[in-house]
PDB file of N, CA and C in Angstrom:
ATOM      1  N   MET A   1       0.848  -1.172   0.000  1.00  0.00           N
ATOM      2  CA  MET A   1       0.000   0.000   0.000  1.00  0.00           C
ATOM      3  C   MET A   1       0.896   1.239   0.000  1.00  0.00           C
ATOM      4  N   LEU A   2       0.586   2.181  -0.857  1.00  0.00           N
ATOM      5  CA  LEU A   2       1.345   3.426  -0.931  1.00  0.00           C
ATOM      6  C   LEU A   2       0.776   4.453   0.040  1.00  0.00           C
ATOM      7  N   SER A   3       1.654   5.283   0.566  1.00  0.00           N
ATOM      8  CA  SER A   3       1.173   6.412   1.362  1.00  0.00           C
ATOM      9  C   SER A   3       0.596   7.444   0.401  1.00  0.00           C
ATOM     10  N   ALA A   4      -0.116   8.419   0.942  1.00  0.00           N
ATOM     11  CA  ALA A   4      -0.709   9.456   0.092  1.00  0.00           C
ATOM     12  C   ALA A   4       0.381  10.194  -0.677  1.00  0.00           C
ATOM     13  N   GLU A   5       1.484  10.513  -0.030  1.00  0.00           N
ATOM     14  CA  GLU A   5       2.567  11.240  -0.697  1.00  0.00           C
ATOM     15  C   GLU A   5       3.224  10.379  -1.776  1.00  0.00           C
ATOM     16  N   GLU A   6       3.415   9.092  -1.505  1.00  0.00           N
ATOM     17  CA  GLU A   6       3.999   8.191  -2.502  1.00  0.00           C
ATOM     18  C   GLU A   6       3.085   8.081  -3.724  1.00  0.00           C
ATOM     19  N   ALA A   7       1.782   8.003  -3.501  1.00  0.00           N
ATOM     20  CA  ALA A   7       0.826   7.929  -4.614  1.00  0.00           C
ATOM     21  C   ALA A   7       0.875   9.213  -5.441  1.00  0.00           C
ATOM     22  N   ARG A   8       0.902  10.367  -4.767  1.00  0.00           N
ATOM     23  CA  ARG A   8       0.995  11.642  -5.500  1.00  0.00           C
ATOM     24  C   ARG A   8       2.279  11.713  -6.321  1.00  0.00           C
ATOM     25  N   GLU A   9       3.392  11.275  -5.730  1.00  0.00           N
ATOM     26  CA  GLU A   9       4.676  11.303  -6.434  1.00  0.00           C
ATOM     27  C   GLU A   9       4.657  10.379  -7.648  1.00  0.00           C
ATOM     28  N   LEU A  10       4.079   9.195  -7.493  1.00  0.00           N
ATOM     29  CA  LEU A  10       3.958   8.254  -8.605  1.00  0.00           C
ATOM     30  C   LEU A  10       3.126   8.861  -9.733  1.00  0.00           C
ATOM     31  N   LEU A  11       1.982   9.436  -9.404  1.00  0.00           N
ATOM     32  CA  LEU A  11       1.101  10.029 -10.416  1.00  0.00           C
ATOM     33  C   LEU A  11       1.751  11.226 -11.095  1.00  0.00           C
ATOM     34  N   ARG A  12       2.472  12.041 -10.344  1.00  0.00           N
ATOM     35  CA  ARG A  12       3.163  13.205 -10.930  1.00  0.00           C
ATOM     36  C   ARG A  12       4.303  12.786 -11.848  1.00  0.00           C
ATOM     37  N   GLY A  13       4.901  11.622 -11.589  1.00  0.00           N
ATOM     38  CA  GLY A  13       6.060  11.179 -12.351  1.00  0.00           C
ATOM     39  C   GLY A  13       5.744  10.530 -13.683  1.00  0.00           C
ATOM     40  N   LEU A  14       4.482  10.317 -13.986  1.00  0.00           N
ATOM     41  CA  LEU A  14       4.106   9.666 -15.247  1.00  0.00           C
ATOM     42  C   LEU A  14       4.198  10.637 -16.419  1.00  0.00           C
ATOM     43  N   ASP A  15       4.634  10.116 -17.558  1.00  0.00           N
ATOM     44  CA  ASP A  15       4.699  10.918 -18.790  1.00  0.00           C
ATOM     45  C   ASP A  15       3.314  10.921 -19.422  1.00  0.00           C
ATOM     46  N   VAL A  16       2.580  12.014 -19.246  1.00  0.00           N
ATOM     47  CA  VAL A  16       1.213  12.095 -19.762  1.00  0.00           C
ATOM     48  C   VAL A  16       1.141  12.845 -21.093  1.00  0.00           C
ATOM     49  N   SER A  17       2.262  12.919 -21.788  1.00  0.00           N
ATOM     50  CA  SER A  17       2.266  13.544 -23.106  1.00  0.00           C
ATOM     51  C   SER A  17       1.802  12.556 -24.181  1.00  0.00           C
ATOM     52  N   ARG A  18       1.589  11.315 -23.809  1.00  0.00           N
ATOM     53  CA  ARG A  18       1.137  10.269 -24.718  1.00  0.00           C
ATOM     54  C   ARG A  18      -0.124   9.617 -24.151  1.00  0.00           C
ATOM     55  N   VAL A  19      -0.909   9.038 -25.019  1.00  0.00           N
ATOM     56  CA  VAL A  19      -2.158   8.403 -24.606  1.00  0.00           C
ATOM     57  C   VAL A  19      -1.885   7.302 -23.583  1.00  0.00           C
ATOM     58  N   ILE A  20      -0.834   6.545 -23.770  1.00  0.00           N
ATOM     59  CA  ILE A  20      -0.528   5.452 -22.848  1.00  0.00           C
ATOM     60  C   ILE A  20      -0.214   5.991 -21.456  1.00  0.00           C
ATOM     61  N   GLY A  21       0.449   7.126 -21.357  1.00  0.00           N
ATOM     62  CA  GLY A  21       0.711   7.737 -20.062  1.00  0.00           C
ATOM     63  C   GLY A  21      -0.575   8.199 -19.397  1.00  0.00           C
ATOM     64  N   LEU A  22      -1.496   8.735 -20.190  1.00  0.00           N
ATOM     65  CA  LEU A  22      -2.800   9.135 -19.655  1.00  0.00           C
ATOM     66  C   LEU A  22      -3.575   7.913 -19.157  1.00  0.00           C
ATOM     67  N   ARG A  23      -3.489   6.822 -19.933  1.00  0.00           N
ATOM     68  CA  ARG A  23      -4.150   5.577 -19.525  1.00  0.00           C
ATOM     69  C   ARG A  23      -3.568   5.060 -18.215  1.00  0.00           C
ATOM     70  N   ASP A  24      -2.244   5.040 -18.120  1.00  0.00           N
ATOM     71  CA  ASP A  24      -1.596   4.543 -16.913  1.00  0.00           C
ATOM     72  C   ASP A  24      -1.957   5.396 -15.701  1.00  0.00           C
ATOM     73  N   ARG A  25      -1.999   6.714 -15.885  1.00  0.00           N
ATOM     74  CA  ARG A  25      -2.371   7.601 -14.778  1.00  0.00           C
ATOM     75  C   ARG A  25      -3.810   7.329 -14.345  1.00  0.00           C
ATOM     76  N   ALA A  26      -4.712   7.140 -15.313  1.00  0.00           N
ATOM     77  CA  ALA A  26      -6.113   6.865 -14.984  1.00  0.00           C
ATOM     78  C   ALA A  26      -6.249   5.537 -14.238  1.00  0.00           C
ATOM     79  N   ILE A  27      -5.515   4.525 -14.659  1.00  0.00           N
ATOM     80  CA  ILE A  27      -5.567   3.213 -13.997  1.00  0.00           C
ATOM     81  C   ILE A  27      -5.047   3.306 -12.569  1.00  0.00           C
ATOM     82  N   ILE A  28      -3.890   3.925 -12.393  1.00  0.00           N
ATOM     83  CA  ILE A  28      -3.302   4.040 -11.059  1.00  0.00           C
ATOM     84  C   ILE A  28      -4.195   4.881 -10.155  1.00  0.00           C
ATOM     85  N   ALA A  29      -4.745   5.963 -10.678  1.00  0.00           N
ATOM     86  CA  ALA A  29      -5.651   6.805  -9.889  1.00  0.00           C
ATOM     87  C   ALA A  29      -6.913   6.041  -9.519  1.00  0.00           C
ATOM     88  N   LEU A  30      -7.454   5.276 -10.454  1.00  0.00           N
ATOM     89  CA  LEU A  30      -8.651   4.489 -10.174  1.00  0.00           C
ATOM     90  C   LEU A  30      -8.391   3.494  -9.050  1.00  0.00           C
ATOM     91  N   MET A  31      -7.254   2.824  -9.111  1.00  0.00           N
ATOM     92  CA  MET A  31      -6.915   1.864  -8.064  1.00  0.00           C
ATOM     93  C   MET A  31      -6.656   2.573  -6.731  1.00  0.00           C
ATOM     94  N   THR A  32      -6.044   3.733  -6.775  1.00  0.00           N
ATOM     95  CA  THR A  32      -5.719   4.473  -5.555  1.00  0.00           C
ATOM     96  C   THR A  32      -6.971   5.034  -4.890  1.00  0.00           C
ATOM     97  N   TYR A  33      -7.834   5.680  -5.659  1.00  0.00           N
ATOM     98  CA  TYR A  33      -9.015   6.331  -5.090  1.00  0.00           C
ATOM     99  C   TYR A  33     -10.142   5.368  -4.725  1.00  0.00           C
ATOM    100  N   THR A  34     -10.194   4.200  -5.368  1.00  0.00           N
ATOM    101  CA  THR A  34     -11.296   3.272  -5.103  1.00  0.00           C
ATOM    102  C   THR A  34     -10.863   2.014  -4.360  1.00  0.00           C
ATOM    103  N   PHE A  35      -9.561   1.810  -4.212  1.00  0.00           N
ATOM    104  CA  PHE A  35      -9.008   0.595  -3.597  1.00  0.00           C
ATOM    105  C   PHE A  35      -9.424  -0.654  -4.377  1.00  0.00           C
ATOM    106  N   ALA A  36      -9.623  -0.487  -5.679  1.00  0.00           N
ATOM    107  CA  ALA A  36     -10.061  -1.604  -6.526  1.00  0.00           C
ATOM    108  C   ALA A  36      -8.899  -2.546  -6.822  1.00  0.00           C
ATOM    109  N   ARG A  37      -9.246  -3.804  -7.053  1.00  0.00           N
ATOM    110  CA  ARG A  37      -8.275  -4.799  -7.490  1.00  0.00           C
ATOM    111  C   ARG A  37      -7.939  -4.557  -8.967  1.00  0.00           C
ATOM    112  N   VAL A  38      -6.777  -5.019  -9.370  1.00  0.00           N
ATOM    113  CA  VAL A  38      -6.364  -4.897 -10.770  1.00  0.00           C
ATOM    114  C   VAL A  38      -7.389  -5.571 -11.675  1.00  0.00           C
ATOM    115  N   GLY A  39      -7.858  -6.747 -11.279  1.00  0.00           N
ATOM    116  CA  GLY A  39      -8.835  -7.485 -12.088  1.00  0.00           C
ATOM    117  C   GLY A  39     -10.106  -6.694 -12.337  1.00  0.00           C
ATOM    118  N   ALA A  40     -10.568  -5.968 -11.333  1.00  0.00           N
ATOM    119  CA  ALA A  40     -11.783  -5.158 -11.493  1.00  0.00           C
ATOM    120  C   ALA A  40     -11.531  -3.989 -12.432  1.00  0.00           C
ATOM    121  N   VAL A  41     -10.341  -3.407 -12.339  1.00  0.00           N
ATOM    122  CA  VAL A  41     -10.012  -2.252 -13.183  1.00  0.00           C
ATOM    123  C   VAL A  41      -9.900  -2.664 -14.651  1.00  0.00           C
ATOM    124  N   VAL A  42      -9.231  -3.766 -14.941  1.00  0.00           N
ATOM    125  CA  VAL A  42      -9.062  -4.162 -16.342  1.00  0.00           C
ATOM    126  C   VAL A  42     -10.364  -4.646 -16.970  1.00  0.00           C
ATOM    127  N   GLN A  43     -11.350  -5.052 -16.161  1.00  0.00           N
ATOM    128  CA  GLN A  43     -12.655  -5.455 -16.688  1.00  0.00           C
ATOM    129  C   GLN A  43     -13.573  -4.261 -16.954  1.00  0.00           C
ATOM    130  N   MET A  44     -13.201  -3.103 -16.476  1.00  0.00           N
ATOM    131  CA  MET A  44     -14.065  -1.920 -16.584  1.00  0.00           C
ATOM    132  C   MET A  44     -14.347  -1.579 -18.045  1.00  0.00           C
ATOM    133  N   ARG A  45     -15.598  -1.318 -18.345  1.00  0.00           N
ATOM    134  CA  ARG A  45     -16.034  -0.908 -19.685  1.00  0.00           C
ATOM    135  C   ARG A  45     -16.165   0.609 -19.716  1.00  0.00           C
ATOM    136  N   VAL A  46     -16.171   1.181 -20.897  1.00  0.00           N
ATOM    137  CA  VAL A  46     -16.338   2.631 -21.054  1.00  0.00           C
ATOM    138  C   VAL A  46     -17.624   3.083 -20.379  1.00  0.00           C
ATOM    139  N   ALA A  47     -18.689   2.303 -20.500  1.00  0.00           N
ATOM    140  CA  ALA A  47     -19.984   2.656 -19.906  1.00  0.00           C
ATOM    141  C   ALA A  47     -19.973   2.602 -18.381  1.00  0.00           C
ATOM    142  N   ASP A  48     -18.933   2.019 -17.789  1.00  0.00           N
ATOM    143  CA  ASP A  48     -18.844   1.921 -16.329  1.00  0.00           C
ATOM    144  C   ASP A  48     -18.353   3.211 -15.680  1.00  0.00           C
ATOM    145  N   TYR A  49     -18.100   4.218 -16.468  1.00  0.00           N
ATOM    146  CA  TYR A  49     -17.800   5.572 -15.988  1.00  0.00           C
ATOM    147  C   TYR A  49     -18.952   6.425 -16.504  1.00  0.00           C
ATOM    148  N   TYR A  50     -19.819   6.861 -15.610  1.00  0.00           N
ATOM    149  CA  TYR A  50     -21.080   7.457 -16.047  1.00  0.00           C
ATOM    150  C   TYR A  50     -21.529   8.582 -15.107  1.00  0.00           C
ATOM    151  N   PRO A  51     -22.342   9.511 -15.646  1.00  0.00           N
ATOM    152  CA  PRO A  51     -22.875  10.588 -14.799  1.00  0.00           C
ATOM    153  C   PRO A  51     -24.106  10.125 -14.033  1.00  0.00           C
ATOM    154  N   GLN A  52     -24.202  10.594 -12.805  1.00  0.00           N
ATOM    155  CA  GLN A  52     -25.397  10.347 -11.998  1.00  0.00           C
ATOM    156  C   GLN A  52     -25.629  11.618 -11.193  1.00  0.00           C
ATOM    157  N   LYS A  53     -26.715  12.297 -11.524  1.00  0.00           N
ATOM    158  CA  LYS A  53     -27.013  13.622 -10.982  1.00  0.00           C
ATOM    159  C   LYS A  53     -25.861  14.559 -11.315  1.00  0.00           C
ATOM    160  N   LYS A  54     -25.228  15.173 -10.331  1.00  0.00           N
ATOM    161  CA  LYS A  54     -24.168  16.150 -10.617  1.00  0.00           C
ATOM    162  C   LYS A  54     -22.760  15.564 -10.517  1.00  0.00           C
ATOM    163  N   ARG A  55     -22.647  14.265 -10.281  1.00  0.00           N
ATOM    164  CA  ARG A  55     -21.344  13.635 -10.107  1.00  0.00           C
ATOM    165  C   ARG A  55     -21.131  12.565 -11.163  1.00  0.00           C
ATOM    166  N   TRP A  56     -19.855  12.218 -11.377  1.00  0.00           N
ATOM    167  CA  TRP A  56     -19.504  11.078 -12.220  1.00  0.00           C
ATOM    168  C   TRP A  56     -19.205   9.907 -11.297  1.00  0.00           C
ATOM    169  N   TRP A  57     -19.594   8.722 -11.718  1.00  0.00           N
ATOM    170  CA  TRP A  57     -19.442   7.509 -10.930  1.00  0.00           C
ATOM    171  C   TRP A  57     -18.657   6.464 -11.712  1.00  0.00           C
ATOM    172  N   VAL A  58     -18.109   5.497 -10.989  1.00  0.00           N
ATOM    173  CA  VAL A  58     -17.486   4.326 -11.613  1.00  0.00           C
ATOM    174  C   VAL A  58     -18.174   3.077 -11.089  1.00  0.00           C
ATOM    175  N   ARG A  59     -18.262   2.092 -11.964  1.00  0.00           N
ATOM    176  CA  ARG A  59     -18.845   0.786 -11.620  1.00  0.00           C
ATOM    177  C   ARG A  59     -17.742  -0.241 -11.819  1.00  0.00           C
ATOM    178  N   LEU A  60     -17.477  -1.012 -10.772  1.00  0.00           N
ATOM    179  CA  LEU A  60     -16.419  -2.022 -10.823  1.00  0.00           C
ATOM    180  C   LEU A  60     -16.999  -3.386 -10.485  1.00  0.00           C
ATOM    181  N   ARG A  61     -16.580  -4.381 -11.244  1.00  0.00           N
ATOM    182  CA  ARG A  61     -17.020  -5.758 -11.010  1.00  0.00           C
ATOM    183  C   ARG A  61     -15.917  -6.476 -10.237  1.00  0.00           C
ATOM    184  N   GLU A  62     -16.213  -6.823  -9.006  1.00  0.00           N
ATOM    185  CA  GLU A  62     -15.236  -7.466  -8.131  1.00  0.00           C
ATOM    186  C   GLU A  62     -15.414  -8.985  -8.161  1.00  0.00           C
ATOM    187  N   LYS A  63     -14.660  -9.655  -7.318  1.00  0.00           N
ATOM    188  CA  LYS A  63     -14.755 -11.115  -7.219  1.00  0.00           C
ATOM    189  C   LYS A  63     -16.174 -11.553  -6.874  1.00  0.00           C
ATOM    190  N   ASN A  64     -16.501 -12.757  -7.294  1.00  0.00           N
ATOM    191  CA  ASN A  64     -17.800 -13.375  -7.008  1.00  0.00           C
ATOM    192  C   ASN A  64     -18.984 -12.547  -7.527  1.00  0.00           C
ATOM    193  N   GLY A  65     -18.778 -11.807  -8.590  1.00  0.00           N
ATOM    194  CA  GLY A  65     -19.862 -11.053  -9.203  1.00  0.00           C
ATOM    195  C   GLY A  65     -20.321  -9.826  -8.435  1.00  0.00           C
ATOM    196  N   LYS A  66     -19.587  -9.437  -7.408  1.00  0.00           N
ATOM    197  CA  LYS A  66     -19.973  -8.265  -6.619  1.00  0.00           C
ATOM    198  C   LYS A  66     -19.787  -7.000  -7.454  1.00  0.00           C
ATOM    199  N   LEU A  67     -20.793  -6.154  -7.448  1.00  0.00           N
ATOM    200  CA  LEU A  67     -20.775  -4.911  -8.215  1.00  0.00           C
ATOM    201  C   LEU A  67     -20.601  -3.740  -7.253  1.00  0.00           C
ATOM    202  N   ASN A  68     -19.575  -2.941  -7.453  1.00  0.00           N
ATOM    203  CA  ASN A  68     -19.338  -1.754  -6.630  1.00  0.00           C
ATOM    204  C   ASN A  68     -19.521  -0.514  -7.487  1.00  0.00           C
ATOM    205  N   GLU A  69     -20.364   0.389  -7.038  1.00  0.00           N
ATOM    206  CA  GLU A  69     -20.562   1.666  -7.714  1.00  0.00           C
ATOM    207  C   GLU A  69     -20.253   2.763  -6.705  1.00  0.00           C
ATOM    208  N   MET A  70     -19.449   3.733  -7.137  1.00  0.00           N
ATOM    209  CA  MET A  70     -19.072   4.804  -6.224  1.00  0.00           C
ATOM    210  C   MET A  70     -18.808   6.092  -6.978  1.00  0.00           C
ATOM    211  N   PRO A  71     -19.004   7.234  -6.300  1.00  0.00           N
ATOM    212  CA  PRO A  71     -18.711   8.513  -6.946  1.00  0.00           C
ATOM    213  C   PRO A  71     -17.215   8.685  -7.127  1.00  0.00           C
ATOM    214  N   CYS A  72     -16.836   9.431  -8.156  1.00  0.00           N
ATOM    215  CA  CYS A  72     -15.426   9.690  -8.442  1.00  0.00           C
ATOM    216  C   CYS A  72     -14.905  10.861  -7.618  1.00  0.00           C
ATOM    217  N   HIS A  73     -13.691  10.723  -7.174  1.00  0.00           N
ATOM    218  CA  HIS A  73     -12.962  11.848  -6.608  1.00  0.00           C
ATOM    219  C   HIS A  73     -12.735  12.834  -7.755  1.00  0.00           C
ATOM    220  N   HIS A  74     -12.675  14.132  -7.456  1.00  0.00           N
ATOM    221  CA  HIS A  74     -12.547  15.123  -8.538  1.00  0.00           C
ATOM    222  C   HIS A  74     -11.276  14.940  -9.357  1.00  0.00           C
ATOM    223  N   ASN A  75     -10.166  14.510  -8.753  1.00  0.00           N
ATOM    224  CA  ASN A  75      -8.945  14.254  -9.533  1.00  0.00           C
ATOM    225  C   ASN A  75      -9.143  13.060 -10.458  1.00  0.00           C
ATOM    226  N   LEU A  76      -9.739  12.004  -9.946  1.00  0.00           N
ATOM    227  CA  LEU A  76      -9.995  10.813 -10.760  1.00  0.00           C
ATOM    228  C   LEU A  76     -10.902  11.162 -11.933  1.00  0.00           C
ATOM    229  N   GLU A  77     -11.918  11.940 -11.683  1.00  0.00           N
ATOM    230  CA  GLU A  77     -12.829  12.358 -12.750  1.00  0.00           C
ATOM    231  C   GLU A  77     -12.078  13.112 -13.849  1.00  0.00           C
ATOM    232  N   ALA A  78     -11.236  14.047 -13.461  1.00  0.00           N
ATOM    233  CA  ALA A  78     -10.468  14.833 -14.441  1.00  0.00           C
ATOM    234  C   ALA A  78      -9.537  13.942 -15.250  1.00  0.00           C
ATOM    235  N   TRP A  79      -8.876  12.997 -14.602  1.00  0.00           N
ATOM    236  CA  TRP A  79      -7.925  12.129 -15.296  1.00  0.00           C
ATOM    237  C   TRP A  79      -8.622  11.114 -16.189  1.00  0.00           C
ATOM    238  N   LEU A  80      -9.768  10.604 -15.763  1.00  0.00           N
ATOM    239  CA  LEU A  80     -10.540   9.709 -16.642  1.00  0.00           C
ATOM    240  C   LEU A  80     -11.056  10.471 -17.858  1.00  0.00           C
ATOM    241  N   ASP A  81     -11.535  11.702 -17.643  1.00  0.00           N
ATOM    242  CA  ASP A  81     -12.006  12.523 -18.766  1.00  0.00           C
ATOM    243  C   ASP A  81     -10.879  12.780 -19.757  1.00  0.00           C
ATOM    244  N   GLU A  82      -9.711  13.138 -19.253  1.00  0.00           N
ATOM    245  CA  GLU A  82      -8.579  13.437 -20.129  1.00  0.00           C
ATOM    246  C   GLU A  82      -8.161  12.199 -20.923  1.00  0.00           C
ATOM    247  N   TYR A  83      -8.120  11.050 -20.267  1.00  0.00           N
ATOM    248  CA  TYR A  83      -7.776   9.807 -20.967  1.00  0.00           C
ATOM    249  C   TYR A  83      -8.827   9.457 -22.014  1.00  0.00           C
ATOM    250  N   ASN A  84     -10.105   9.496 -21.627  1.00  0.00           N
ATOM    251  CA  ASN A  84     -11.173   9.135 -22.564  1.00  0.00           C
ATOM    252  C   ASN A  84     -11.197  10.039 -23.789  1.00  0.00           C
ATOM    253  N   GLU A  85     -10.927  11.316 -23.591  1.00  0.00           N
ATOM    254  CA  GLU A  85     -10.885  12.241 -24.725  1.00  0.00           C
ATOM    255  C   GLU A  85      -9.709  11.919 -25.650  1.00  0.00           C
ATOM    256  N   ALA A  86      -8.545  11.681 -25.077  1.00  0.00           N
ATOM    257  CA  ALA A  86      -7.356  11.387 -25.887  1.00  0.00           C
ATOM    258  C   ALA A  86      -7.474  10.036 -26.591  1.00  0.00           C
ATOM    259  N   ALA A  87      -8.071   9.048 -25.918  1.00  0.00           N
ATOM    260  CA  ALA A  87      -8.206   7.709 -26.499  1.00  0.00           C
ATOM    261  C   ALA A  87      -9.433   7.590 -27.390  1.00  0.00           C
ATOM    262  N   LYS A  88     -10.244   8.637 -27.430  1.00  0.00           N
ATOM    263  CA  LYS A  88     -11.444   8.676 -28.269  1.00  0.00           C
ATOM    264  C   LYS A  88     -12.362   7.481 -27.987  1.00  0.00           C
ATOM    265  N   THR A  89     -12.672   7.280 -26.704  1.00  0.00           N
ATOM    266  CA  THR A  89     -13.524   6.153 -26.320  1.00  0.00           C
ATOM    267  C   THR A  89     -14.990   6.430 -26.606  1.00  0.00           C
ATOM    268  N   GLY A  90     -15.380   7.692 -26.717  1.00  0.00           N
ATOM    269  CA  GLY A  90     -16.722   8.162 -27.024  1.00  0.00           C
ATOM    270  C   GLY A  90     -17.857   7.177 -27.086  1.00  0.00           C
ATOM    271  N   ASN A  91     -18.167   6.656 -28.285  1.00  0.00           N
ATOM    272  CA  ASN A  91     -19.348   5.807 -28.491  1.00  0.00           C
ATOM    273  C   ASN A  91     -19.076   4.327 -28.270  1.00  0.00           C
ATOM    274  N   ARG A  92     -17.904   3.982 -27.827  1.00  0.00           N
ATOM    275  CA  ARG A  92     -17.552   2.568 -27.647  1.00  0.00           C
ATOM    276  C   ARG A  92     -17.890   2.104 -26.234  1.00  0.00           C
ATOM    277  N   LYS A  93     -19.113   2.298 -25.807  1.00  0.00           N
ATOM    278  CA  LYS A  93     -19.541   2.048 -24.431  1.00  0.00           C
ATOM    279  C   LYS A  93     -19.339   0.601 -23.984  1.00  0.00           C
ATOM    280  N   ARG A  94     -19.417  -0.341 -24.895  1.00  0.00           N
ATOM    281  CA  ARG A  94     -19.292  -1.758 -24.515  1.00  0.00           C
ATOM    282  C   ARG A  94     -17.842  -2.230 -24.504  1.00  0.00           C
ATOM    283  N   HIS A  95     -16.934  -1.424 -25.025  1.00  0.00           N
ATOM    284  CA  HIS A  95     -15.521  -1.802 -25.064  1.00  0.00           C
ATOM    285  C   HIS A  95     -14.871  -1.616 -23.703  1.00  0.00           C
ATOM    286  N   ARG A  96     -13.784  -2.313 -23.502  1.00  0.00           N
ATOM    287  CA  ARG A  96     -13.016  -2.135 -22.268  1.00  0.00           C
ATOM    288  C   ARG A  96     -12.465  -0.723 -22.228  1.00  0.00           C
ATOM    289  N   CYS A  97     -12.477  -0.158 -21.059  1.00  0.00           N
ATOM    290  CA  CYS A  97     -12.008   1.212 -20.875  1.00  0.00           C
ATOM    291  C   CYS A  97     -10.497   1.309 -21.076  1.00  0.00           C
ATOM    292  N   PHE A  98      -9.760   0.334 -20.545  1.00  0.00           N
ATOM    293  CA  PHE A  98      -8.301   0.389 -20.574  1.00  0.00           C
ATOM    294  C   PHE A  98      -7.746  -0.749 -21.410  1.00  0.00           C
ATOM    295  N   ALA A  99      -7.570  -0.478 -22.701  1.00  0.00           N
ATOM    296  CA  ALA A  99      -7.020  -1.477 -23.612  1.00  0.00           C
ATOM    297  C   ALA A  99      -5.519  -1.626 -23.357  1.00  0.00           C
ATOM    298  N   ALA A 100      -4.966  -2.759 -23.788  1.00  0.00           N
ATOM    299  CA  ALA A 100      -3.530  -2.976 -23.637  1.00  0.00           C
ATOM    300  C   ALA A 100      -2.761  -1.849 -24.320  1.00  0.00           C
ATOM    301  N   ARG A 101      -3.239  -1.443 -25.482  1.00  0.00           N
ATOM    302  CA  ARG A 101      -2.720  -0.253 -26.156  1.00  0.00           C
ATOM    303  C   ARG A 101      -3.910   0.650 -26.352  1.00  0.00           C
ATOM    304  N   ALA A 102      -3.782   1.889 -25.936  1.00  0.00           N
ATOM    305  CA  ALA A 102      -4.913   2.816 -25.993  1.00  0.00           C
ATOM    306  C   ALA A 102      -5.471   2.921 -27.407  1.00  0.00           C
ATOM    307  N   ASP A 103      -4.616   2.920 -28.393  1.00  0.00           N
ATOM    308  CA  ASP A 103      -5.021   2.894 -29.791  1.00  0.00           C
ATOM    309  C   ASP A 103      -3.787   2.604 -30.615  1.00  0.00           C
ATOM    310  N   ALA A 104      -3.935   2.481 -31.913  1.00  0.00           N
ATOM    311  CA  ALA A 104      -2.789   2.154 -32.748  1.00  0.00           C
ATOM    312  C   ALA A 104      -1.696   3.209 -32.671  1.00  0.00           C
ATOM    313  N   ALA A 105      -2.079   4.444 -32.396  1.00  0.00           N
ATOM    314  CA  ALA A 105      -1.102   5.531 -32.284  1.00  0.00           C
ATOM    315  C   ALA A 105      -0.785   5.833 -30.819  1.00  0.00           C
ATOM    316  N   GLY A 106      -1.092   4.915 -29.939  1.00  0.00           N
ATOM    317  CA  GLY A 106      -0.927   5.142 -28.510  1.00  0.00           C
ATOM    318  C   GLY A 106       0.479   5.502 -28.092  1.00  0.00           C
ATOM    319  N   SER A 107       1.474   5.079 -28.857  1.00  0.00           N
ATOM    320  CA  SER A 107       2.836   5.395 -28.477  1.00  0.00           C
ATOM    321  C   SER A 107       3.314   6.711 -29.077  1.00  0.00           C
ATOM    322  N   LEU A 108       2.491   7.322 -29.927  1.00  0.00           N
ATOM    323  CA  LEU A 108       2.867   8.587 -30.543  1.00  0.00           C
ATOM    324  C   LEU A 108       2.420   9.754 -29.680  1.00  0.00           C
ATOM    325  N   PRO A 109       3.095  10.888 -29.762  1.00  0.00           N
ATOM    326  CA  PRO A 109       2.650  12.062 -29.012  1.00  0.00           C
ATOM    327  C   PRO A 109       1.261  12.480 -29.472  1.00  0.00           C
ATOM    328  N   MET A 110       0.494  13.068 -28.563  1.00  0.00           N
ATOM    329  CA  MET A 110      -0.831  13.556 -28.922  1.00  0.00           C
ATOM    330  C   MET A 110      -0.699  14.833 -29.722  1.00  0.00           C
ATOM    331  N   LYS A 111      -1.681  15.117 -30.549  1.00  0.00           N
ATOM    332  CA  LYS A 111      -1.686  16.351 -31.320  1.00  0.00           C
ATOM    333  C   LYS A 111      -2.018  17.506 -30.393  1.00  0.00           C
ATOM    334  N   PRO A 112      -1.366  18.668 -30.587  1.00  0.00           N
ATOM    335  CA  PRO A 112      -1.651  19.817 -29.717  1.00  0.00           C
ATOM    336  C   PRO A 112      -3.049  20.349 -29.866  1.00  0.00           C
TER     337      PRO A 112
END
């Protein structure tokens, strides 16, 4: 388990100039803010990040079919939004949120 300062340092140290860096930051933040298992995070679909009233929520599928839904921390919300915009997840609601490669150009710098 990381301390709060160690988690902040890890998140600050990621290269977010590329889609893959944005994806990695979103994954680490999701695990940090929700205490989710890796298995639950990699199963997450685009539709599992959704608005409910004035907040954004995440839905995670845990062991034994347990479903966890919780509001997003404001940092997590911002980082998921930034990743989803860069990865162009838009209408792909049934697809996994965090692909092994964000897209075919995932290793290339993002356009300004």
